[in-house]
């Protein structure tokens, strides 16, 4: 979308606005990892670190959030501190009209961030892991809003696959059905979020930021309306131990069923369980994955 067509409701920071005007590389960053994904005060330190990682690669960071009913693409220091320290809502794209109308503040999920970033003219977005199809979908019909939003939002999303608590094969099938392209970055297997590999193959692999940028250019030249997923594995040396992951996840799923937890409460329950029962190792793998994705996203944006 041309920058001149950005909806009036969205406020783009002066730094991001200038970078758009000059054609400089920009990376969109989600804010739920700050508000809901990490404990205080580490969340603010990681948020600042991720923005600095983007800058060291020659790109401009654009963290996305909603404050006092105003969608923001690019946060200043004070705004970043508010997201980190205040009790804010978690906002998917469907929640944005209500947040705007009521003056609410919230951190944006993958769907909320991708929507606002693309509307502001950004082309590359870095996150940890996507939402997807939940286990026992036939019973619950539970599927992340990320998928349908990405099916109609032309932006490159650099991620470490989908959260391993989900049904990964079903999610990959759903991505295919929705026409969302998937690239493995330096791998023939779809990443497993906490793990370098989910064991599921990918159809296409790129090995350099330039190759990924070339695919993104071709994607846009064809006027495709869907997102392009760049699936970047967490470095093997920083992944969660696979045996520990499988053991704790099995126990977490059993505990979730036993407690009768359903719907939107399932994901936060499982993620908390993993953090608690891996002594924080799952959290460290999550942060390592986000760092790697941010670096790669900045390199792809620069290659564009």
Protein backbone atom coordinates (compact mmCIF):
# COMPACT_ATOMS: atom_id res chain seq x y z
CA UNK A 1 0.00 0.00 0.00
CA UNK A 2 1.41 3.46 -0.89
CA UNK A 3 2.26 5.51 2.19
CA UNK A 4 -0.13 8.26 1.08
CA UNK A 5 -3.00 5.77 1.43
CA UNK A 6 -2.39 4.98 5.09
CA UNK A 7 -5.72 5.21 6.96
CA UNK A 8 -6.06 8.30 9.14
CA UNK A 9 -6.70 6.15 12.21
CA UNK A 10 -3.13 4.79 12.10
CA UNK A 11 -0.34 6.99 13.48
CA UNK A 12 3.05 6.29 11.92
CA UNK A 13 6.03 7.54 13.91
CA UNK A 14 8.17 10.29 12.40
CA UNK A 15 11.17 7.94 12.14
CA UNK A 16 9.18 5.27 10.29
CA UNK A 17 7.45 7.90 8.14
CA UNK A 18 10.84 9.30 7.10
CA UNK A 19 12.22 5.83 6.38
CA UNK A 20 9.19 5.04 4.20
CA UNK A 21 9.65 8.27 2.28
CA UNK A 22 13.34 7.55 1.72
CA UNK A 23 12.80 3.91 0.79
CA UNK A 24 14.91 2.64 3.71
CA UNK A 25 14.46 -0.87 5.15
CA UNK A 26 11.93 -1.20 7.99
CA UNK A 27 10.97 -4.17 10.16
CA UNK A 28 7.62 -4.37 11.96
CA UNK A 29 7.71 -5.91 15.44
CA UNK A 30 4.75 -7.21 17.43
CA UNK A 31 4.16 -6.08 21.00
CA UNK A 32 2.46 -9.02 22.73
CA UNK A 33 5.86 -10.55 23.50
CA UNK A 34 6.48 -7.39 25.53
CA UNK A 35 3.14 -7.25 27.33
CA UNK A 36 2.25 -10.93 27.71
CA UNK A 37 5.20 -13.05 26.62
CA UNK A 38 7.95 -12.08 29.06
CA UNK A 39 8.12 -11.24 32.77
CA UNK A 40 8.87 -7.73 33.99
CA UNK A 41 11.36 -6.06 33.91
CA UNK A 42 12.98 -8.35 31.35
CA UNK A 43 10.25 -7.61 28.84
CA UNK A 44 11.34 -3.99 28.41
CA UNK A 45 15.00 -4.96 28.11
CA UNK A 46 14.21 -7.50 25.39
CA UNK A 47 11.97 -5.01 23.56
CA UNK A 48 14.80 -2.48 23.47
CA UNK A 49 17.27 -5.18 22.47
CA UNK A 50 15.13 -6.29 19.52
CA UNK A 51 14.80 -2.73 18.25
CA UNK A 52 18.57 -2.30 18.55
CA UNK A 53 19.17 -5.54 16.65
CA UNK A 54 17.15 -4.11 13.77
CA UNK A 55 19.18 -0.90 13.83
CA UNK A 56 22.54 -2.72 13.87
CA UNK A 57 21.51 -4.45 10.63
CA UNK A 58 20.84 -1.09 8.97
CA UNK A 59 17.04 -1.10 9.22
CA UNK A 60 14.45 0.89 11.17
CA UNK A 61 12.36 -0.88 13.84
CA UNK A 62 8.60 -0.29 13.93
CA UNK A 63 7.07 -1.83 17.03
CA UNK A 64 3.27 -1.86 16.70
CA UNK A 65 0.72 -1.31 19.47
CA UNK A 66 -2.48 0.58 20.32
CA UNK A 67 -2.35 3.24 23.04
CA UNK A 68 -5.38 5.23 24.18
CA UNK A 69 -7.31 4.06 21.15
CA UNK A 70 -4.67 5.06 18.59
CA UNK A 71 -2.96 2.37 16.49
CA UNK A 72 0.76 3.16 16.41
CA UNK A 73 3.34 1.93 13.92
CA UNK A 74 6.65 2.78 15.56
CA UNK A 75 6.90 3.49 19.29
CA UNK A 76 9.06 5.96 21.15
CA UNK A 77 10.80 5.11 24.43
CA UNK A 78 7.89 6.24 26.61
CA UNK A 79 5.34 4.32 24.56
CA UNK A 80 7.47 1.17 24.69
CA UNK A 81 7.65 1.55 28.48
CA UNK A 82 3.87 1.84 28.69
CA UNK A 83 3.36 -1.42 26.79
CA UNK A 84 5.91 -3.13 29.03
CA UNK A 85 4.69 -1.81 32.37
CA UNK A 86 0.94 -1.21 32.09
CA UNK A 87 -1.79 -3.85 32.13
CA UNK A 88 -2.87 -3.72 28.50
CA UNK A 89 -5.14 -5.92 26.44
CA UNK A 90 -4.03 -8.38 23.78
CA UNK A 91 -5.39 -7.18 20.44
CA UNK A 92 -5.91 -9.25 17.32
CA UNK A 93 -7.05 -7.52 14.13
CA UNK A 94 -10.72 -8.13 14.97
CA UNK A 95 -10.30 -6.18 18.23
CA UNK A 96 -8.93 -3.02 16.64
CA UNK A 97 -12.24 -1.20 15.95
CA UNK A 98 -13.37 -1.70 19.53
CA UNK A 99 -10.04 -0.55 20.91
CA UNK A 100 -10.12 2.57 18.73
CA UNK A 101 -13.71 3.41 19.58
CA UNK A 102 -13.28 2.95 23.35
CA UNK A 103 -9.82 4.48 23.71
CA UNK A 104 -8.34 1.21 24.93
CA UNK A 105 -4.65 0.34 25.04
CA UNK A 106 -3.32 -3.00 23.91
CA UNK A 107 -0.44 -4.98 22.50
CA UNK A 108 -0.93 -6.38 19.02
CA UNK A 109 -0.79 -10.07 18.18
CA UNK A 110 0.53 -11.45 14.89
CA UNK A 111 -2.77 -10.69 13.14
CA UNK A 112 -3.08 -7.21 14.63
CA UNK A 113 0.53 -6.33 13.87
CA UNK A 114 0.48 -7.69 10.32
CA UNK A 115 -2.73 -5.80 9.56
CA UNK A 116 -1.51 -2.43 10.84
CA UNK A 117 2.01 -2.79 9.47
CA UNK A 118 0.83 -3.65 5.97
CA UNK A 119 -1.68 -0.80 6.01
CA UNK A 120 1.17 1.55 6.89
CA UNK A 121 3.18 0.34 3.88
CA UNK A 122 5.63 -2.00 5.61
CA UNK A 123 6.74 -5.14 3.82
CA UNK A 124 8.59 -7.21 6.44
CA UNK A 125 7.45 -8.32 9.90
CA UNK A 126 9.37 -10.35 12.50
CA UNK A 127 7.75 -12.38 15.26
CA UNK A 128 8.40 -15.50 17.35
CA UNK A 129 5.88 -18.07 16.20
CA UNK A 130 2.57 -18.00 14.38
CA UNK A 131 -0.75 -19.17 15.70
CA UNK A 132 -2.33 -22.07 13.86
CA UNK A 133 -4.68 -25.02 14.04
CA UNK A 134 -5.11 -26.31 17.58
CA UNK A 135 -4.94 -29.96 18.53
CA UNK A 136 -8.32 -31.73 18.59
CA UNK A 137 -9.60 -29.26 15.99
CA UNK A 138 -12.37 -31.68 14.99
CA UNK A 139 -13.85 -31.26 18.47
CA UNK A 140 -13.09 -27.62 19.21
CA UNK A 141 -12.92 -25.94 15.77
CA UNK A 142 -10.16 -23.83 17.36
CA UNK A 143 -7.95 -22.05 14.85
CA UNK A 144 -5.89 -18.91 15.24
CA UNK A 145 -7.13 -15.73 13.59
CA UNK A 146 -3.56 -15.29 12.31
CA UNK A 147 -4.16 -17.68 9.43
CA UNK A 148 -7.13 -16.06 7.73
CA UNK A 149 -5.70 -12.58 8.24
CA UNK A 150 -2.41 -13.61 6.63
CA UNK A 151 -4.35 -15.12 3.73
CA UNK A 152 -5.36 -11.60 2.70
CA UNK A 153 -2.40 -9.50 3.87
CA UNK A 154 0.63 -9.22 1.56
CA UNK A 155 3.52 -8.99 4.01
CA UNK A 156 6.57 -11.16 4.65
CA UNK A 157 6.46 -12.77 8.10
CA UNK A 158 9.74 -14.06 9.50
CA UNK A 159 8.99 -16.58 12.26
CA UNK A 160 10.20 -19.80 13.88
CA UNK A 161 7.24 -21.75 12.54
CA UNK A 162 4.09 -22.17 14.61
CA UNK A 163 3.94 -22.81 18.33
CA UNK A 164 4.71 -26.48 18.98
CA UNK A 165 1.69 -26.79 21.27
CA UNK A 166 -0.42 -26.67 18.08
CA UNK A 167 -1.18 -29.27 15.42
CA UNK A 168 1.72 -28.51 13.09
CA UNK A 169 0.79 -30.83 10.16
CA UNK A 170 -2.80 -29.51 10.19
CA UNK A 171 -1.51 -25.93 10.29
CA UNK A 172 0.74 -26.50 7.28
CA UNK A 173 -2.22 -28.00 5.41
CA UNK A 174 -4.29 -24.96 6.35
CA UNK A 175 -1.58 -22.59 5.12
CA UNK A 176 -1.61 -24.43 1.78
CA UNK A 177 -5.40 -24.27 1.56
CA UNK A 178 -5.36 -20.53 2.25
CA UNK A 179 -2.68 -19.94 -0.38
CA UNK A 180 -0.04 -18.69 2.06
CA UNK A 181 3.45 -19.41 0.76
CA UNK A 182 6.04 -20.97 3.08
CA UNK A 183 9.81 -20.71 2.66
CA UNK A 184 12.23 -22.63 4.84
CA UNK A 185 15.24 -20.47 5.57
CA UNK A 186 18.33 -22.68 5.35
CA UNK A 187 16.23 -25.75 6.07
CA UNK A 188 14.13 -28.37 4.30
CA UNK A 189 11.98 -28.82 7.41
CA UNK A 190 9.43 -26.54 8.99
CA UNK A 191 10.78 -25.17 12.29
CA UNK A 192 9.18 -26.25 15.56
CA UNK A 193 9.23 -22.91 17.41
CA UNK A 194 11.12 -24.10 20.53
CA UNK A 195 12.78 -26.74 18.32
CA UNK A 196 14.86 -26.32 15.18
CA UNK A 197 12.64 -28.78 13.33
CA UNK A 198 9.06 -29.95 13.63
CA UNK A 199 9.88 -32.96 11.44
CA UNK A 200 7.52 -31.67 8.74
CA UNK A 201 9.00 -30.89 5.29
CA UNK A 202 8.73 -27.59 3.43
CA UNK A 203 8.39 -27.38 -0.34
CA UNK A 204 10.71 -24.43 -0.88
CA UNK A 205 14.03 -23.41 0.69
CA UNK A 206 16.06 -20.21 0.46
CA UNK A 207 19.53 -19.81 1.93
CA UNK A 208 20.32 -16.09 1.84
CA UNK A 209 18.43 -12.87 2.60
CA UNK A 210 18.79 -11.94 -1.08
CA UNK A 211 17.06 -15.15 -2.18
CA UNK A 212 14.23 -14.47 0.26
CA UNK A 213 13.98 -10.87 -1.00
CA UNK A 214 13.85 -12.11 -4.59
CA UNK A 215 10.88 -14.34 -3.73
CA UNK A 216 9.17 -11.43 -1.98
CA UNK A 217 9.67 -9.22 -5.06
CA UNK A 218 8.20 -11.93 -7.28
CA UNK A 219 5.32 -12.34 -4.84
CA UNK A 220 4.51 -8.64 -5.07
CA UNK A 221 5.01 -8.52 -8.86
CA UNK A 222 2.24 -11.10 -9.15
CA UNK A 223 -0.02 -8.96 -6.94
CA UNK A 224 -0.70 -11.86 -4.59
CA UNK A 225 -2.80 -10.75 -1.63
CA UNK A 226 -1.53 -13.36 0.85
CA UNK A 227 1.42 -13.23 3.22
CA UNK A 228 4.71 -15.00 2.62
CA UNK A 229 6.04 -16.99 5.57
CA UNK A 230 9.82 -17.16 6.00
CA UNK A 231 10.29 -20.02 8.47
CA UNK A 232 13.59 -19.52 10.29
CA UNK A 233 14.69 -22.29 12.70
CA UNK A 234 15.89 -21.38 16.19
CA UNK A 235 19.65 -22.11 16.25
CA UNK A 236 20.20 -25.75 17.28
CA UNK A 237 22.47 -24.74 20.13
CA UNK A 238 19.70 -22.58 21.59
CA UNK A 239 16.69 -24.83 21.03
CA UNK A 240 14.83 -26.51 23.88
CA UNK A 241 16.08 -30.04 24.47
CA UNK A 242 13.78 -32.13 22.21
CA UNK A 243 13.28 -34.94 24.74
CA UNK A 244 12.42 -32.48 27.52
CA UNK A 245 10.09 -30.63 25.14
CA UNK A 246 8.16 -33.77 24.23
CA UNK A 247 7.87 -34.96 27.84
CA UNK A 248 6.72 -31.63 29.25
CA UNK A 249 4.33 -30.93 26.37
CA UNK A 250 2.64 -34.31 26.83
CA UNK A 251 2.21 -33.57 30.53
CA UNK A 252 0.94 -30.06 29.76
CA UNK A 253 -1.71 -31.36 27.36
CA UNK A 254 -2.86 -33.92 29.92
CA UNK A 255 -3.04 -31.26 32.64
CA UNK A 256 -5.02 -28.99 30.32
CA UNK A 257 -7.57 -31.71 29.61
CA UNK A 258 -7.81 -32.65 33.27
CA UNK A 259 -8.47 -29.02 34.25
CA UNK A 260 -11.17 -28.68 31.59
CA UNK A 261 -9.46 -25.69 30.00
CA UNK A 262 -10.75 -24.80 26.53
CA UNK A 263 -10.81 -22.00 23.97
CA UNK A 264 -8.51 -18.99 24.27
CA UNK A 265 -7.30 -20.12 27.69
CA UNK A 266 -5.54 -23.19 26.26
CA UNK A 267 -2.51 -21.48 24.69
CA UNK A 268 -1.50 -19.35 27.71
CA UNK A 269 -1.99 -22.35 30.01
CA UNK A 270 0.27 -24.58 27.91
CA UNK A 271 2.94 -21.92 27.47
CA UNK A 272 3.02 -21.19 31.20
CA UNK A 273 3.24 -24.91 31.94
CA UNK A 274 6.20 -25.27 29.60
CA UNK A 275 8.04 -22.35 31.19
CA UNK A 276 7.43 -23.65 34.73
CA UNK A 277 8.28 -27.29 34.03
CA UNK A 278 11.40 -26.63 31.92
CA UNK A 279 12.81 -24.25 34.54
CA UNK A 280 12.53 -21.38 32.08
CA UNK A 281 14.36 -23.15 29.25
CA UNK A 282 11.36 -22.81 26.93
CA UNK A 283 11.34 -19.05 27.54
CA UNK A 284 15.03 -18.81 26.64
CA UNK A 285 14.42 -20.76 23.42
CA UNK A 286 11.55 -18.41 22.61
CA UNK A 287 13.75 -15.32 23.08
CA UNK A 288 16.55 -16.91 21.04
CA UNK A 289 14.11 -17.59 18.20
CA UNK A 290 12.80 -14.03 18.23
CA UNK A 291 16.33 -12.61 18.15
CA UNK A 292 17.23 -14.77 15.14
CA UNK A 293 14.02 -13.81 13.35
CA UNK A 294 14.56 -10.10 13.94
CA UNK A 295 18.09 -10.28 12.56
CA UNK A 296 16.94 -12.18 9.47
CA UNK A 297 13.97 -9.85 8.90
CA UNK A 298 16.28 -6.83 8.98
CA UNK A 299 18.62 -8.48 6.48
CA UNK A 300 15.72 -9.32 4.15
CA UNK A 301 14.36 -5.76 4.42
CA UNK A 302 17.82 -4.42 3.58
CA UNK A 303 18.10 -6.81 0.60
CA UNK A 304 14.81 -5.41 -0.73
